[in-house]
N, C-alpha and C. Protein backbone atom coordinates (compact mmCIF):
# COMPACT_ATOMS: atom_id res chain seq x y z
N MET A 1 -5.01 -18.93 26.52
CA MET A 1 -3.89 -19.68 25.99
C MET A 1 -3.89 -19.55 24.48
N ALA A 2 -2.86 -18.97 23.91
CA ALA A 2 -2.80 -18.75 22.46
C ALA A 2 -2.12 -19.92 21.79
N ASN A 3 -2.87 -20.66 21.00
CA ASN A 3 -2.28 -21.78 20.29
C ASN A 3 -2.38 -21.63 18.78
N GLY A 4 -2.88 -20.49 18.31
CA GLY A 4 -2.93 -20.21 16.89
C GLY A 4 -4.14 -20.80 16.18
N MET A 5 -4.99 -21.52 16.90
CA MET A 5 -6.12 -22.16 16.25
C MET A 5 -7.21 -21.17 15.86
N ASN A 6 -7.27 -20.02 16.48
CA ASN A 6 -8.33 -19.06 16.20
C ASN A 6 -7.82 -17.85 15.43
N GLN A 7 -6.82 -18.02 14.61
CA GLN A 7 -6.30 -16.90 13.84
C GLN A 7 -7.22 -16.63 12.66
N TYR A 8 -7.38 -15.34 12.35
CA TYR A 8 -8.22 -14.92 11.24
C TYR A 8 -7.48 -15.13 9.93
N SER A 9 -8.08 -15.83 9.02
CA SER A 9 -7.49 -16.07 7.70
C SER A 9 -8.56 -15.79 6.64
N PRO A 10 -8.60 -14.55 6.14
CA PRO A 10 -9.62 -14.22 5.15
C PRO A 10 -9.44 -15.02 3.87
N ASP A 11 -10.52 -15.23 3.15
CA ASP A 11 -10.45 -15.97 1.90
C ASP A 11 -10.36 -15.03 0.70
N TYR A 12 -9.86 -13.83 0.94
CA TYR A 12 -9.67 -12.85 -0.11
C TYR A 12 -8.39 -12.07 0.18
N THR A 13 -7.91 -11.37 -0.83
CA THR A 13 -6.68 -10.59 -0.69
C THR A 13 -7.01 -9.12 -0.86
N VAL A 14 -6.47 -8.31 0.02
CA VAL A 14 -6.59 -6.86 -0.13
C VAL A 14 -5.29 -6.38 -0.75
N LEU A 15 -5.39 -5.78 -1.91
CA LEU A 15 -4.20 -5.32 -2.62
C LEU A 15 -3.62 -4.08 -1.94
N PRO A 16 -2.30 -3.89 -2.05
CA PRO A 16 -1.69 -2.69 -1.48
C PRO A 16 -2.33 -1.42 -2.03
N GLY A 17 -2.72 -1.47 -3.29
CA GLY A 17 -3.37 -0.31 -3.90
C GLY A 17 -4.66 0.07 -3.23
N ASP A 18 -5.37 -0.92 -2.69
CA ASP A 18 -6.59 -0.63 -1.95
C ASP A 18 -6.28 0.19 -0.71
N HIS A 19 -5.19 -0.15 -0.04
CA HIS A 19 -4.76 0.61 1.14
C HIS A 19 -4.38 2.04 0.73
N ILE A 20 -3.65 2.15 -0.37
CA ILE A 20 -3.22 3.47 -0.84
C ILE A 20 -4.45 4.32 -1.18
N GLU A 21 -5.37 3.74 -1.91
CA GLU A 21 -6.56 4.47 -2.32
C GLU A 21 -7.35 4.97 -1.10
N GLU A 22 -7.48 4.11 -0.10
CA GLU A 22 -8.18 4.49 1.12
C GLU A 22 -7.45 5.62 1.86
N LEU A 23 -6.13 5.51 1.92
CA LEU A 23 -5.35 6.54 2.61
C LEU A 23 -5.38 7.87 1.86
N LEU A 24 -5.39 7.82 0.53
CA LEU A 24 -5.50 9.05 -0.24
C LEU A 24 -6.80 9.77 0.10
N GLU A 25 -7.87 9.01 0.12
CA GLU A 25 -9.17 9.60 0.45
C GLU A 25 -9.17 10.16 1.88
N LEU A 26 -8.64 9.38 2.80
CA LEU A 26 -8.60 9.79 4.19
C LEU A 26 -7.82 11.09 4.39
N HIS A 27 -6.72 11.23 3.63
CA HIS A 27 -5.85 12.40 3.76
C HIS A 27 -6.21 13.52 2.79
N GLY A 28 -7.25 13.31 1.97
CA GLY A 28 -7.63 14.34 1.01
C GLY A 28 -6.54 14.61 0.00
N MET A 29 -5.83 13.57 -0.41
CA MET A 29 -4.69 13.70 -1.31
C MET A 29 -5.03 13.06 -2.66
N SER A 30 -4.61 13.69 -3.72
CA SER A 30 -4.84 13.13 -5.05
C SER A 30 -3.70 12.17 -5.42
N GLN A 31 -3.96 11.36 -6.42
CA GLN A 31 -2.90 10.48 -6.94
C GLN A 31 -1.75 11.32 -7.47
N LYS A 32 -2.07 12.44 -8.09
CA LYS A 32 -1.03 13.32 -8.64
C LYS A 32 -0.13 13.86 -7.53
N GLU A 33 -0.73 14.27 -6.41
CA GLU A 33 0.08 14.76 -5.29
C GLU A 33 0.95 13.66 -4.72
N LEU A 34 0.40 12.44 -4.60
CA LEU A 34 1.20 11.32 -4.10
C LEU A 34 2.36 11.04 -5.04
N ALA A 35 2.10 11.10 -6.34
CA ALA A 35 3.18 10.88 -7.32
C ALA A 35 4.29 11.91 -7.13
N MET A 36 3.91 13.16 -6.97
CA MET A 36 4.91 14.22 -6.78
C MET A 36 5.68 14.01 -5.49
N ARG A 37 4.99 13.63 -4.42
CA ARG A 37 5.64 13.48 -3.11
C ARG A 37 6.53 12.24 -3.04
N THR A 38 6.22 11.21 -3.83
CA THR A 38 7.02 9.98 -3.80
C THR A 38 8.06 9.92 -4.92
N GLY A 39 7.97 10.83 -5.87
CA GLY A 39 8.95 10.86 -6.96
C GLY A 39 8.73 9.80 -8.02
N VAL A 40 7.50 9.33 -8.14
CA VAL A 40 7.16 8.38 -9.20
C VAL A 40 6.13 9.04 -10.10
N THR A 41 5.84 8.40 -11.21
CA THR A 41 4.88 8.97 -12.14
C THR A 41 3.45 8.73 -11.67
N LEU A 42 2.55 9.57 -12.14
CA LEU A 42 1.14 9.39 -11.87
C LEU A 42 0.68 8.04 -12.43
N LYS A 43 1.21 7.66 -13.57
CA LYS A 43 0.87 6.37 -14.17
C LYS A 43 1.25 5.23 -13.22
N HIS A 44 2.41 5.34 -12.58
CA HIS A 44 2.84 4.28 -11.65
C HIS A 44 1.88 4.19 -10.46
N ILE A 45 1.52 5.34 -9.90
CA ILE A 45 0.57 5.35 -8.78
C ILE A 45 -0.71 4.66 -9.20
N ASN A 46 -1.22 5.02 -10.37
CA ASN A 46 -2.47 4.45 -10.85
C ASN A 46 -2.36 2.95 -11.09
N THR A 47 -1.24 2.48 -11.62
CA THR A 47 -1.10 1.04 -11.87
C THR A 47 -0.95 0.26 -10.56
N VAL A 48 -0.33 0.85 -9.55
CA VAL A 48 -0.24 0.20 -8.24
C VAL A 48 -1.64 0.11 -7.62
N ILE A 49 -2.39 1.20 -7.70
CA ILE A 49 -3.74 1.20 -7.14
C ILE A 49 -4.62 0.16 -7.82
N LYS A 50 -4.47 0.01 -9.13
CA LYS A 50 -5.26 -0.97 -9.87
C LYS A 50 -4.76 -2.41 -9.68
N GLY A 51 -3.60 -2.56 -9.05
CA GLY A 51 -3.05 -3.89 -8.82
C GLY A 51 -2.23 -4.43 -9.97
N ASN A 52 -1.85 -3.54 -10.90
CA ASN A 52 -1.08 -3.97 -12.07
C ASN A 52 0.41 -3.72 -11.93
N ALA A 53 0.83 -3.14 -10.82
CA ALA A 53 2.26 -2.93 -10.54
C ALA A 53 2.49 -3.23 -9.07
N ARG A 54 3.68 -3.68 -8.78
CA ARG A 54 4.02 -4.07 -7.41
C ARG A 54 4.69 -2.90 -6.68
N ILE A 55 4.62 -2.96 -5.37
CA ILE A 55 5.32 -1.99 -4.54
C ILE A 55 6.76 -2.46 -4.37
N THR A 56 7.69 -1.61 -4.75
CA THR A 56 9.11 -1.92 -4.60
C THR A 56 9.57 -1.45 -3.22
N PRO A 57 10.71 -1.94 -2.76
CA PRO A 57 11.23 -1.45 -1.48
C PRO A 57 11.41 0.06 -1.44
N ASP A 58 11.89 0.66 -2.54
CA ASP A 58 12.07 2.12 -2.57
C ASP A 58 10.73 2.84 -2.46
N PHE A 59 9.74 2.35 -3.19
CA PHE A 59 8.41 2.96 -3.15
C PHE A 59 7.79 2.77 -1.76
N ALA A 60 8.00 1.60 -1.17
CA ALA A 60 7.49 1.34 0.19
C ALA A 60 8.09 2.34 1.18
N HIS A 61 9.37 2.63 1.02
CA HIS A 61 10.01 3.61 1.91
C HIS A 61 9.38 4.99 1.71
N SER A 62 9.13 5.37 0.47
CA SER A 62 8.49 6.66 0.19
C SER A 62 7.10 6.72 0.80
N LEU A 63 6.33 5.64 0.67
CA LEU A 63 4.99 5.60 1.25
C LEU A 63 5.06 5.71 2.78
N ALA A 64 6.07 5.08 3.36
CA ALA A 64 6.23 5.11 4.81
C ALA A 64 6.50 6.53 5.30
N MET A 65 7.16 7.33 4.49
CA MET A 65 7.45 8.70 4.87
C MET A 65 6.18 9.57 4.84
N ILE A 66 5.19 9.14 4.08
CA ILE A 66 3.96 9.94 3.92
C ILE A 66 2.83 9.44 4.80
N PHE A 67 2.66 8.12 4.85
CA PHE A 67 1.55 7.53 5.59
C PHE A 67 2.07 6.84 6.85
N ASP A 68 1.18 6.54 7.75
CA ASP A 68 1.55 5.98 9.05
C ASP A 68 1.69 4.46 9.02
N TYR A 69 2.41 3.95 8.04
CA TYR A 69 2.75 2.53 7.94
C TYR A 69 4.24 2.45 7.64
N SER A 70 4.93 1.49 8.22
CA SER A 70 6.36 1.34 7.95
C SER A 70 6.57 0.76 6.56
N ALA A 71 7.78 0.90 6.05
CA ALA A 71 8.12 0.30 4.75
C ALA A 71 7.93 -1.21 4.81
N GLU A 72 8.25 -1.80 5.95
CA GLU A 72 8.09 -3.24 6.12
C GLU A 72 6.62 -3.65 6.02
N MET A 73 5.74 -2.80 6.55
CA MET A 73 4.31 -3.09 6.47
C MET A 73 3.83 -3.04 5.02
N TRP A 74 4.31 -2.03 4.27
CA TRP A 74 3.93 -1.95 2.86
C TRP A 74 4.42 -3.18 2.10
N MET A 75 5.61 -3.63 2.40
CA MET A 75 6.13 -4.84 1.74
C MET A 75 5.34 -6.06 2.16
N SER A 76 4.88 -6.08 3.39
CA SER A 76 4.03 -7.17 3.87
C SER A 76 2.70 -7.17 3.12
N PHE A 77 2.10 -5.99 2.93
CA PHE A 77 0.87 -5.91 2.14
C PHE A 77 1.12 -6.49 0.75
N GLN A 78 2.28 -6.14 0.17
CA GLN A 78 2.61 -6.61 -1.18
C GLN A 78 2.79 -8.13 -1.20
N SER A 79 3.46 -8.68 -0.22
CA SER A 79 3.74 -10.12 -0.22
C SER A 79 2.48 -10.95 -0.04
N ARG A 80 1.45 -10.36 0.56
CA ARG A 80 0.19 -11.08 0.73
C ARG A 80 -0.70 -11.05 -0.49
N SER A 81 -0.37 -10.18 -1.44
CA SER A 81 -1.24 -10.06 -2.62
C SER A 81 -0.83 -10.98 -3.73
């Protein structure tokens, strides 16, 4: 019986950039390649990874085209940070 009492609620936040950094490593892709593929600057990729810039809906859509997460999921990662 699911009543929501046993839901996992971590006491820390995983930034969207952490997910991006992990996926880059997993896919053997550089930040520069991701910047070229998403149409943003390398500086923007780096600031998102460091947590100093937010993921916009347009950027989330670009990430969704490259990685196996929907744009909505990327926005969800952002809203939790």
